[in-house]
Amino acid sequence: MAEAATTPAITDELDETASIAQELIRFDTTNYGEGRANGEREAAEYVEAKLSALGLAPQLFESAPRRASVIARVPGRNPEKPALVLHGHLDVVPADPRNWSVDPFAGEVRDGMLWGRGAVDMKDMDAMMLTALGDILRSGRQPERELVVAFFADEEAGGDYGAHWLVEHHPELFAGATEAISEVGGYSITVGGTRAYLLQTGEKSLLWVRLVATGTAAHGSRLIHDNAVTKLAEAVARIGRTEWPLRLTGTTTELLAAVAGVLGVDPQQVSPDELALATGSASGFITATLRTTTNPTLLEAGYKHNVIPDRAEALVDIRTLPGEEDEVLAAIRALAGDDVEVEIVHRDVGLEASTTGPLVDAVAGAIGRHDPGAPVFPYLLSGGTDNKALSRLGIAGYGFAPLRLPENIDFPAMFHGVDERVPLDALSFGHRVLRDLLLEY
């Protein structure tokens, strides 16, 4: 088991949540996809040590060499209640330091914020989980119900080496659990001057595809109509420029009605896009939940200026509304055309959990104690989380990483963006809200 001393020394005066988040950022856990990742084992050992120090008996699992996840059970006061899964992931997406104002893995504190890759996705929540549990257990208390606390590997590449692997090979770890809490929700937004909080009650389906075009290899000076790059480029342009139709799910209908209520307008008279834009920076997530999105993300072809390659590839990130996966995939194949093959790289389900019930009420209550009068709205996440894997066991997943944010911060832009950062006071707020939720739900 690794000791915390393997992490660079902390030099800033921070509270415990910020300090742990800073230490986690300093583990470079970059996930490059296709089975390649850094540092997950080291970060998992750090978390394992933290959990052991709280008197728990964590288990570390490797799905492949150094692809490590950590699971621990925390007894609850009320054995009659089903267990709750509280989970985060330890991996992060790549960060090019040339584009950043700071070293993305230094955990620098500047302007009242903690900067670094993972500051919001999601080492902030990992830290809140550890400190909320620490507050509870060090005081001699227990959470209201049994917790399954999990820190997964590989979330940023779909979870094949993390949550999905554990669900398939060790489903017993989650026995007795009916609900789960993780990212991406709980953060505040401002609507018409009113601060509100978003509870993630669903997420879009995930469909990653590879487009493959083949053609004739030849000298770059020749007249070649069977050009793989040209065929691929045309397919990428058609797919990337497609305007997908608007469709509201039950979750987005409820969210937009709540936004309209705050604004004092009739949701039947204002377009869904206008209502989504009224959520300010949160619209960066919310507008994408009103329709399918198809974003080309990578192109690869050729090896020399004067050589026409015989193969060209592109990756496309497709996020459909729940239940539309097959319909959208058929449309993508038609858009790609007969000359371009569509290969499925990774596919996962869309989710919509109940927007009412005891957990939703408990979330609203926990927020209300720390930010009186602030409403909580359900929303559908445009991305995906490890709740997809847990849904295979019948576990309903929610996103609640509580953060009270300043109105001027573009929070969605922090996810996978440059100069990712989170306010220090938001971390402190989040750990207190999460602690109270675990004590009372």
Protein backbone atom coordinates (compact mmCIF):
# COMPACT_ATOMS: atom_id res chain seq x y z
CA MET A 1 0.00 0.00 0.00
CA ALA A 2 1.41 3.37 -0.98
CA GLU A 3 1.72 6.13 1.59
CA ALA A 4 0.59 9.71 1.15
CA ALA A 5 4.24 10.72 1.37
CA THR A 6 4.65 9.71 -2.27
CA THR A 7 2.77 12.92 -3.17
CA PRO A 8 4.60 16.27 -3.39
CA ALA A 9 4.40 18.28 -0.18
CA ILE A 10 1.49 20.66 0.32
CA THR A 11 2.68 24.24 0.71
CA ASP A 12 -0.61 26.16 0.72
CA GLU A 13 -2.80 26.61 3.78
CA LEU A 14 -5.91 24.75 2.66
CA ASP A 15 -8.76 23.00 4.38
CA GLU A 16 -8.82 19.22 4.26
CA THR A 17 -11.05 18.89 1.19
CA ALA A 18 -8.93 21.26 -0.89
CA SER A 19 -5.73 19.61 0.34
CA ILE A 20 -6.90 16.15 -0.69
CA ALA A 21 -8.12 17.44 -4.05
CA GLN A 22 -4.74 19.09 -4.56
CA GLU A 23 -2.90 15.88 -3.71
CA LEU A 24 -5.09 13.90 -6.10
CA ILE A 25 -4.47 16.38 -8.92
CA ARG A 26 -0.74 15.86 -8.41
CA PHE A 27 -1.15 12.23 -9.44
CA ASP A 28 -1.04 12.31 -13.24
CA THR A 29 -3.84 9.84 -13.97
CA THR A 30 -4.20 10.68 -17.65
CA ASN A 31 -6.40 8.24 -19.55
CA TYR A 32 -5.50 8.12 -23.24
CA GLY A 33 -8.11 5.48 -24.11
CA GLU A 34 -7.58 2.16 -25.86
CA GLY A 35 -6.27 0.67 -22.61
CA ARG A 36 -3.55 3.27 -22.02
CA ALA A 37 -3.51 5.28 -18.80
CA ASN A 38 -1.11 6.70 -16.23
CA GLY A 39 -1.07 6.69 -12.47
CA GLU A 40 -4.36 5.03 -11.62
CA ARG A 41 -2.68 2.50 -9.36
CA GLU A 42 -0.81 5.19 -7.41
CA ALA A 43 -3.95 7.29 -6.95
CA ALA A 44 -5.92 4.20 -5.91
CA GLU A 45 -3.30 3.33 -3.28
CA TYR A 46 -3.49 6.89 -1.95
CA VAL A 47 -7.29 6.63 -1.61
CA GLU A 48 -6.94 3.15 -0.12
CA ALA A 49 -4.67 4.57 2.58
CA LYS A 50 -7.13 7.38 3.33
CA LEU A 51 -10.00 4.93 3.72
CA SER A 52 -7.93 2.61 5.91
CA ALA A 53 -7.04 5.54 8.17
CA LEU A 54 -10.78 5.99 8.77
CA GLY A 55 -11.02 2.43 10.07
CA LEU A 56 -12.50 0.96 6.91
CA ALA A 57 -11.33 -2.15 5.05
CA PRO A 58 -10.98 -1.06 1.43
CA GLN A 59 -10.31 -3.51 -1.38
CA LEU A 60 -8.16 -2.68 -4.38
CA PHE A 61 -8.96 -4.37 -7.69
CA GLU A 62 -6.87 -4.39 -10.85
CA SER A 63 -8.73 -5.16 -14.08
CA ALA A 64 -5.38 -5.05 -15.91
CA PRO A 65 -1.88 -4.20 -14.71
CA ARG A 66 -2.05 -0.87 -12.82
CA ARG A 67 -5.69 -0.20 -13.84
CA ALA A 68 -6.89 -0.01 -10.24
CA SER A 69 -10.20 0.73 -8.52
CA VAL A 70 -10.92 0.87 -4.77
CA ILE A 71 -14.13 -0.24 -3.01
CA ALA A 72 -15.08 0.00 0.68
CA ARG A 73 -18.25 -0.69 2.68
CA VAL A 74 -19.34 1.74 5.38
CA PRO A 75 -21.92 0.42 7.89
CA GLY A 76 -25.07 2.48 8.30
CA ARG A 77 -27.32 3.21 11.27
CA ASN A 78 -30.42 1.83 9.62
CA PRO A 79 -29.97 -1.70 8.27
CA GLU A 80 -33.56 -1.65 7.01
CA LYS A 81 -32.66 0.81 4.28
CA PRO A 82 -31.01 -0.28 1.00
CA ALA A 83 -27.36 0.58 0.54
CA LEU A 84 -26.27 3.67 -1.40
CA VAL A 85 -23.31 3.66 -3.81
CA LEU A 86 -21.15 6.78 -3.50
CA HIS A 87 -18.66 6.77 -6.35
CA GLY A 88 -16.06 8.79 -8.18
CA HIS A 89 -13.37 8.13 -10.76
CA LEU A 90 -9.63 8.69 -10.45
CA ASP A 91 -8.65 9.06 -14.11
CA VAL A 92 -8.63 12.30 -16.10
CA VAL A 93 -8.51 13.25 -19.76
CA PRO A 94 -5.20 14.43 -21.26
CA ALA A 95 -4.01 18.01 -20.78
CA ASP A 96 -1.50 19.75 -23.03
CA PRO A 97 0.57 21.98 -20.70
CA ARG A 98 1.43 24.28 -23.62
CA ASN A 99 -2.16 25.51 -23.61
CA TRP A 100 -2.50 26.01 -19.85
CA SER A 101 -1.71 29.01 -17.65
CA VAL A 102 -0.41 26.60 -14.98
CA ASP A 103 1.09 23.12 -14.82
CA PRO A 104 -2.04 20.96 -15.13
CA PHE A 105 -0.71 18.47 -12.59
CA ALA A 106 0.75 20.87 -10.01
CA GLY A 107 -2.47 21.54 -8.11
CA GLU A 108 -1.71 25.25 -8.00
CA VAL A 109 -3.83 27.61 -5.90
CA ARG A 110 -4.45 30.98 -7.50
CA ASP A 111 -7.16 33.64 -7.15
CA GLY A 112 -9.05 31.60 -4.56
CA MET A 113 -9.24 28.57 -6.84
CA LEU A 114 -7.58 25.19 -7.12
CA TRP A 115 -6.26 24.68 -10.66
CA GLY A 116 -5.42 21.44 -12.42
CA ARG A 117 -6.65 18.59 -14.53
CA GLY A 118 -9.36 16.88 -12.52
CA ALA A 119 -10.24 19.91 -10.40
CA VAL A 120 -13.88 19.50 -11.46
CA ASP A 121 -13.78 16.15 -13.28
CA MET A 122 -13.72 14.76 -10.75
CA LYS A 123 -11.07 14.89 -8.08
CA ASP A 124 -13.04 17.61 -6.33
CA MET A 125 -15.86 15.13 -5.68
CA ASP A 126 -13.36 12.39 -4.75
CA ALA A 127 -12.01 14.73 -2.07
CA MET A 128 -15.48 15.67 -0.87
CA MET A 129 -16.33 12.00 -0.51
CA LEU A 130 -13.25 11.35 1.64
CA THR A 131 -13.72 14.38 3.88
CA ALA A 132 -17.48 13.89 4.28
CA LEU A 133 -16.80 10.32 5.39
CA GLY A 134 -13.97 11.54 7.61
CA ASP A 135 -16.25 14.01 9.37
CA ILE A 136 -18.82 11.32 10.02
CA LEU A 137 -16.56 8.48 11.11
CA ARG A 138 -14.08 10.49 13.17
CA SER A 139 -16.99 11.86 15.20
CA GLY A 140 -18.09 8.33 16.06
CA ARG A 141 -21.22 8.54 13.91
CA GLN A 142 -22.46 6.45 11.01
CA PRO A 143 -24.21 7.37 7.79
CA GLU A 144 -27.95 6.78 7.82
CA ARG A 145 -27.64 3.79 5.50
CA GLU A 146 -24.84 1.45 4.44
CA LEU A 147 -22.58 2.95 1.82
CA VAL A 148 -20.63 1.31 -0.96
CA VAL A 149 -17.82 3.79 -1.54
CA ALA A 150 -16.08 3.35 -4.89
CA PHE A 151 -13.23 5.09 -6.70
CA PHE A 152 -13.16 3.74 -10.24
CA ALA A 153 -10.53 3.57 -12.95
CA ASP A 154 -11.12 4.28 -16.63
CA GLU A 155 -14.32 6.35 -16.51
CA GLU A 156 -12.95 8.73 -19.14
CA ALA A 157 -12.71 5.89 -21.67
CA GLY A 158 -16.08 4.31 -20.95
CA GLY A 159 -15.25 2.27 -17.84
CA ASP A 160 -14.25 -1.03 -19.45
CA TYR A 161 -11.29 -1.26 -17.04
CA GLY A 162 -13.22 0.25 -14.14
CA ALA A 163 -16.92 0.29 -13.27
CA HIS A 164 -18.05 -2.01 -16.10
CA TRP A 165 -15.33 -4.53 -15.25
CA LEU A 166 -16.27 -4.56 -11.56
CA VAL A 167 -19.99 -4.90 -12.32
CA GLU A 168 -19.26 -7.85 -14.58
CA HIS A 169 -16.66 -9.63 -12.45
CA HIS A 170 -17.60 -8.58 -8.89
CA PRO A 171 -21.30 -7.68 -8.78
CA GLU A 172 -21.37 -8.82 -5.16
CA LEU A 173 -19.54 -5.63 -4.21
CA PHE A 174 -22.74 -3.69 -4.86
CA ALA A 175 -25.17 -6.14 -3.24
CA GLY A 176 -28.08 -4.47 -1.52
CA ALA A 177 -27.65 -1.10 -3.25
CA THR A 178 -30.55 0.47 -5.12
CA GLU A 179 -29.29 4.02 -5.78
CA ALA A 180 -26.00 5.75 -6.53
CA ILE A 181 -24.58 9.26 -6.28
CA SER A 182 -21.66 10.62 -8.31
CA GLU A 183 -20.92 13.41 -10.81
CA VAL A 184 -22.12 15.66 -12.72
CA GLY A 185 -24.72 17.58 -10.74
CA GLY A 186 -25.19 19.53 -7.56
CA TYR A 187 -23.55 22.68 -8.88
CA SER A 188 -25.30 26.02 -8.75
CA ILE A 189 -26.63 28.05 -11.67
CA THR A 190 -28.23 31.48 -11.80
CA VAL A 191 -31.59 31.91 -13.53
CA GLY A 192 -33.12 35.36 -13.64
CA GLY A 193 -31.12 36.43 -10.61
CA THR A 194 -32.09 33.33 -8.60
CA ARG A 195 -29.47 30.79 -7.57
CA ALA A 196 -30.60 27.20 -8.09
CA TYR A 197 -28.88 23.81 -8.07
CA LEU A 198 -28.98 21.09 -10.71
CA LEU A 199 -29.50 17.47 -9.70
CA GLN A 200 -28.47 15.12 -12.48
CA THR A 201 -31.26 12.58 -12.79
CA GLY A 202 -30.39 11.20 -16.21
CA GLU A 203 -27.81 11.13 -18.95
CA LYS A 204 -27.69 10.70 -22.69
CA SER A 205 -26.67 7.49 -24.42
CA LEU A 206 -23.09 7.13 -25.56
CA LEU A 207 -22.11 5.94 -29.02
CA TRP A 208 -18.50 6.27 -30.14
CA VAL A 209 -17.89 5.27 -33.75
CA ARG A 210 -14.96 5.09 -36.13
CA LEU A 211 -15.44 6.02 -39.78
CA VAL A 212 -13.15 4.15 -42.17
CA ALA A 213 -12.69 5.01 -45.84
CA THR A 214 -10.45 3.04 -48.19
CA GLY A 215 -9.16 3.98 -51.62
CA THR A 216 -6.26 3.70 -54.02
CA ALA A 217 -2.74 4.39 -52.79
CA ALA A 218 -0.81 6.44 -55.30
CA HIS A 219 1.67 9.22 -55.97
CA GLY A 220 0.32 12.60 -54.91
CA SER A 221 0.70 14.02 -58.40
CA ARG A 222 -1.70 11.58 -60.08
CA LEU A 223 -5.38 12.03 -60.92
CA ILE A 224 -7.06 9.70 -58.40
CA HIS A 225 -10.84 9.78 -57.93
CA ASP A 226 -10.81 6.87 -55.47
CA ASN A 227 -9.27 9.00 -52.71
CA ALA A 228 -9.84 7.72 -49.18
CA VAL A 229 -9.24 11.13 -47.59
CA THR A 230 -11.80 12.83 -49.82
CA LYS A 231 -14.44 10.20 -49.13
CA LEU A 232 -13.82 10.40 -45.40
CA ALA A 233 -13.84 14.21 -45.36
CA GLU A 234 -17.19 14.33 -47.13
CA ALA A 235 -18.70 11.86 -44.65
CA VAL A 236 -17.29 13.74 -41.66
CA ALA A 237 -18.72 17.02 -42.94
CA ARG A 238 -22.18 15.52 -43.50
CA ILE A 239 -22.29 13.98 -40.02
CA GLY A 240 -20.76 16.94 -38.23
CA ARG A 241 -23.12 19.46 -39.85
CA THR A 242 -26.33 17.50 -39.34
CA GLU A 243 -28.97 19.43 -37.39
CA TRP A 244 -30.70 16.83 -35.26
CA PRO A 245 -34.36 17.41 -34.35
CA LEU A 246 -35.47 18.76 -31.00
CA ARG A 247 -36.91 16.21 -28.58
CA LEU A 248 -37.72 16.74 -24.93
CA THR A 249 -37.53 13.87 -22.48
CA GLY A 250 -39.50 13.86 -19.25
CA THR A 251 -36.45 15.23 -17.42
CA THR A 252 -35.83 18.14 -19.77
CA THR A 253 -39.53 19.00 -19.87
CA GLU A 254 -39.53 19.25 -16.08
CA LEU A 255 -36.32 21.30 -16.03
CA LEU A 256 -37.52 23.80 -18.62
CA ALA A 257 -40.84 24.20 -16.78
CA ALA A 258 -38.91 25.00 -13.60
CA VAL A 259 -36.74 27.54 -15.41
CA ALA A 260 -39.86 29.12 -16.93
CA GLY A 261 -41.40 29.32 -13.48
CA VAL A 262 -38.43 31.24 -12.10
CA LEU A 263 -38.53 33.60 -15.09
CA GLY A 264 -42.30 34.02 -14.86
CA VAL A 265 -42.94 32.96 -18.46
CA ASP A 266 -45.14 30.35 -20.12
CA PRO A 267 -42.96 27.40 -21.26
CA GLN A 268 -45.40 26.87 -24.14
CA GLN A 269 -44.67 30.37 -25.44
CA VAL A 270 -40.87 30.34 -25.13
CA SER A 271 -38.72 27.95 -27.15
CA PRO A 272 -36.80 25.20 -25.33
CA ASP A 273 -33.53 26.61 -26.65
CA GLU A 274 -34.34 30.04 -25.22
CA LEU A 275 -35.17 28.56 -21.83
CA ALA A 276 -31.97 26.52 -21.88
CA LEU A 277 -29.92 29.63 -22.67
CA ALA A 278 -31.53 31.36 -19.67
CA THR A 279 -29.54 29.03 -17.41
CA GLY A 280 -26.38 30.97 -18.26
CA SER A 281 -23.17 29.00 -18.48
CA ALA A 282 -25.03 25.79 -17.59
CA SER A 283 -26.59 26.01 -21.04
CA GLY A 284 -23.30 24.58 -22.28
CA PHE A 285 -24.59 21.25 -20.97
CA ILE A 286 -28.34 21.80 -21.14
CA THR A 287 -28.73 22.85 -24.79
CA ALA A 288 -27.02 19.61 -25.80
CA THR A 289 -29.68 17.58 -23.95
CA LEU A 290 -32.47 18.82 -26.21
CA ARG A 291 -31.31 16.79 -29.20
CA THR A 292 -28.75 14.26 -30.42
CA THR A 293 -25.22 15.55 -31.02
CA THR A 294 -22.63 14.15 -33.45
CA ASN A 295 -19.18 15.67 -33.06
CA PRO A 296 -16.16 14.51 -35.11
CA THR A 297 -13.20 14.46 -32.74
CA LEU A 298 -10.22 12.92 -34.55
CA LEU A 299 -8.88 12.51 -38.10
CA GLU A 300 -6.08 10.20 -39.15
CA ALA A 301 -4.73 9.50 -42.62
CA GLY A 302 -1.53 9.41 -44.60
CA TYR A 303 2.14 9.69 -43.76
CA LYS A 304 3.72 11.92 -46.43
CA HIS A 305 2.75 14.98 -48.47
CA ASN A 306 3.17 13.31 -51.87
CA VAL A 307 1.60 9.94 -51.04
CA ILE A 308 -2.16 9.39 -51.41
CA PRO A 309 -3.05 6.95 -48.60
CA ASP A 310 -5.26 3.93 -49.12
CA ARG A 311 -7.01 4.37 -45.76
CA ALA A 312 -8.42 7.28 -43.74
CA GLU A 313 -10.16 7.18 -40.35
CA ALA A 314 -12.17 9.53 -38.15
CA LEU A 315 -13.68 9.26 -34.69
CA VAL A 316 -17.13 10.66 -33.98
CA ASP A 317 -18.57 11.20 -30.49
CA ILE A 318 -22.34 10.63 -30.68
CA ARG A 319 -24.64 11.32 -27.74
CA THR A 320 -28.25 10.32 -28.33
CA LEU A 321 -31.30 10.80 -26.19
CA PRO A 322 -32.20 7.67 -24.20
CA GLY A 323 -33.74 5.02 -26.43
CA GLU A 324 -32.70 6.56 -29.77
CA GLU A 325 -29.41 4.72 -30.22
CA ASP A 326 -30.45 2.34 -33.01
CA GLU A 327 -32.34 5.03 -34.93
CA VAL A 328 -29.40 7.43 -34.79
CA LEU A 329 -26.88 4.73 -35.72
CA ALA A 330 -28.90 3.90 -38.83
CA ALA A 331 -28.96 7.60 -39.75
CA ILE A 332 -25.18 7.83 -39.25
CA ARG A 333 -24.60 4.90 -41.60
CA ALA A 334 -26.77 6.59 -44.22
CA LEU A 335 -24.92 9.90 -43.81
CA ALA A 336 -21.55 8.17 -44.05
CA GLY A 337 -22.51 6.66 -47.39
CA ASP A 338 -21.68 3.40 -49.08
CA ASP A 339 -17.97 4.19 -49.38
CA VAL A 340 -17.37 4.68 -45.65
CA GLU A 341 -17.61 1.94 -43.04
CA VAL A 342 -19.01 2.75 -39.60
CA GLU A 343 -17.45 0.76 -36.74
CA ILE A 344 -18.81 0.90 -33.19
CA VAL A 345 -15.94 1.57 -30.76
CA HIS A 346 -17.99 1.88 -27.58
CA ARG A 347 -21.69 1.95 -26.83
CA ASP A 348 -23.55 2.55 -23.58
CA VAL A 349 -27.08 3.19 -22.44
CA GLY A 350 -28.93 6.39 -21.69
CA LEU A 351 -30.53 6.79 -18.28
CA GLU A 352 -33.46 8.59 -16.70
CA ALA A 353 -34.09 8.11 -13.00
CA SER A 354 -37.06 9.40 -11.05
CA THR A 355 -37.11 13.15 -10.44
CA THR A 356 -39.12 12.66 -7.26
CA GLY A 357 -38.76 10.52 -4.16
CA PRO A 358 -36.87 10.36 -0.86
CA LEU A 359 -33.39 10.84 -2.34
CA VAL A 360 -34.45 13.90 -4.34
CA ASP A 361 -36.15 15.31 -1.23
CA ALA A 362 -33.03 14.64 0.85
CA VAL A 363 -30.83 16.43 -1.70
CA ALA A 364 -33.14 19.44 -1.63
CA GLY A 365 -33.09 19.40 2.14
CA ALA A 366 -29.29 19.25 2.34
CA ILE A 367 -28.95 22.14 -0.11
CA GLY A 368 -31.60 24.11 1.74
CA ARG A 369 -29.73 23.88 5.04
CA HIS A 370 -26.60 25.39 3.51
CA ASP A 371 -28.20 27.73 0.95
CA PRO A 372 -31.70 28.51 2.27
CA GLY A 373 -34.37 29.06 -0.33
CA ALA A 374 -32.35 27.78 -3.28
CA PRO A 375 -34.42 25.41 -5.46
CA VAL A 376 -33.11 22.15 -6.91
CA PHE A 377 -33.92 21.32 -10.53
CA PRO A 378 -33.55 17.92 -12.25
CA TYR A 379 -31.57 17.78 -15.47
CA LEU A 380 -30.33 15.38 -18.10
CA LEU A 381 -26.56 15.25 -18.53
CA SER A 382 -25.26 15.56 -22.08
CA GLY A 383 -22.27 13.37 -21.23
CA GLY A 384 -22.09 10.10 -19.34
CA THR A 385 -20.90 8.69 -16.02
CA ASP A 386 -20.18 5.36 -14.36
CA ASN A 387 -23.85 5.28 -13.37
CA LYS A 388 -24.28 3.57 -16.76
CA ALA A 389 -22.37 0.54 -15.51
CA LEU A 390 -24.25 0.41 -12.21
CA SER A 391 -27.57 0.52 -14.06
CA ARG A 392 -26.81 -3.02 -15.24
CA LEU A 393 -27.41 -4.07 -11.62
CA GLY A 394 -30.66 -2.14 -11.38
CA ILE A 395 -29.05 0.74 -9.47
CA ALA A 396 -30.60 4.16 -10.21
CA GLY A 397 -27.87 6.76 -10.65
CA TYR A 398 -27.85 10.45 -9.76
CA GLY A 399 -25.25 13.19 -10.14
CA PHE A 400 -24.71 15.30 -7.02
CA ALA A 401 -21.30 16.87 -6.45
CA PRO A 402 -22.52 19.99 -4.62
CA LEU A 403 -20.74 23.24 -5.43
CA ARG A 404 -21.93 26.79 -4.77
CA LEU A 405 -20.36 28.72 -7.62
CA PRO A 406 -19.99 32.40 -8.49
CA GLU A 407 -22.34 33.50 -11.22
CA ASN A 408 -19.53 34.49 -13.60
CA ILE A 409 -17.80 31.10 -13.78
CA ASP A 410 -18.35 29.02 -16.94
CA PHE A 411 -18.47 25.72 -15.11
CA PRO A 412 -19.30 23.38 -18.04
CA ALA A 413 -16.26 24.78 -19.88
CA MET A 414 -14.05 23.37 -17.12
CA PHE A 415 -14.91 19.78 -18.04
CA HIS A 416 -12.12 18.57 -20.36
CA GLY A 417 -11.21 22.22 -20.94
CA VAL A 418 -8.05 24.28 -20.56
CA ASP A 419 -7.25 25.85 -17.15
CA GLU A 420 -9.70 23.62 -15.28
CA ARG A 421 -10.27 25.03 -11.78
CA VAL A 422 -12.70 25.07 -8.87
CA PRO A 423 -13.26 27.70 -6.13
CA LEU A 424 -11.84 26.71 -2.74
CA ASP A 425 -14.96 27.84 -0.89
CA ALA A 426 -17.09 25.70 -3.23
CA LEU A 427 -15.11 22.62 -2.15
CA SER A 428 -15.74 23.41 1.50
CA PHE A 429 -19.44 23.97 0.82
CA GLY A 430 -19.69 20.71 -1.09
CA HIS A 431 -18.12 18.55 1.56
CA ARG A 432 -20.49 19.91 4.23
CA VAL A 433 -23.58 19.39 2.07
CA LEU A 434 -22.50 15.87 1.13
CA ARG A 435 -21.77 15.03 4.78
CA ASP A 436 -25.25 16.11 5.85
CA LEU A 437 -26.88 14.18 3.02
CA LEU A 438 -25.08 10.97 4.03
CA LEU A 439 -26.03 11.46 7.67
CA GLU A 440 -29.70 11.99 6.95
CA TYR A 441 -30.66 9.97 3.86
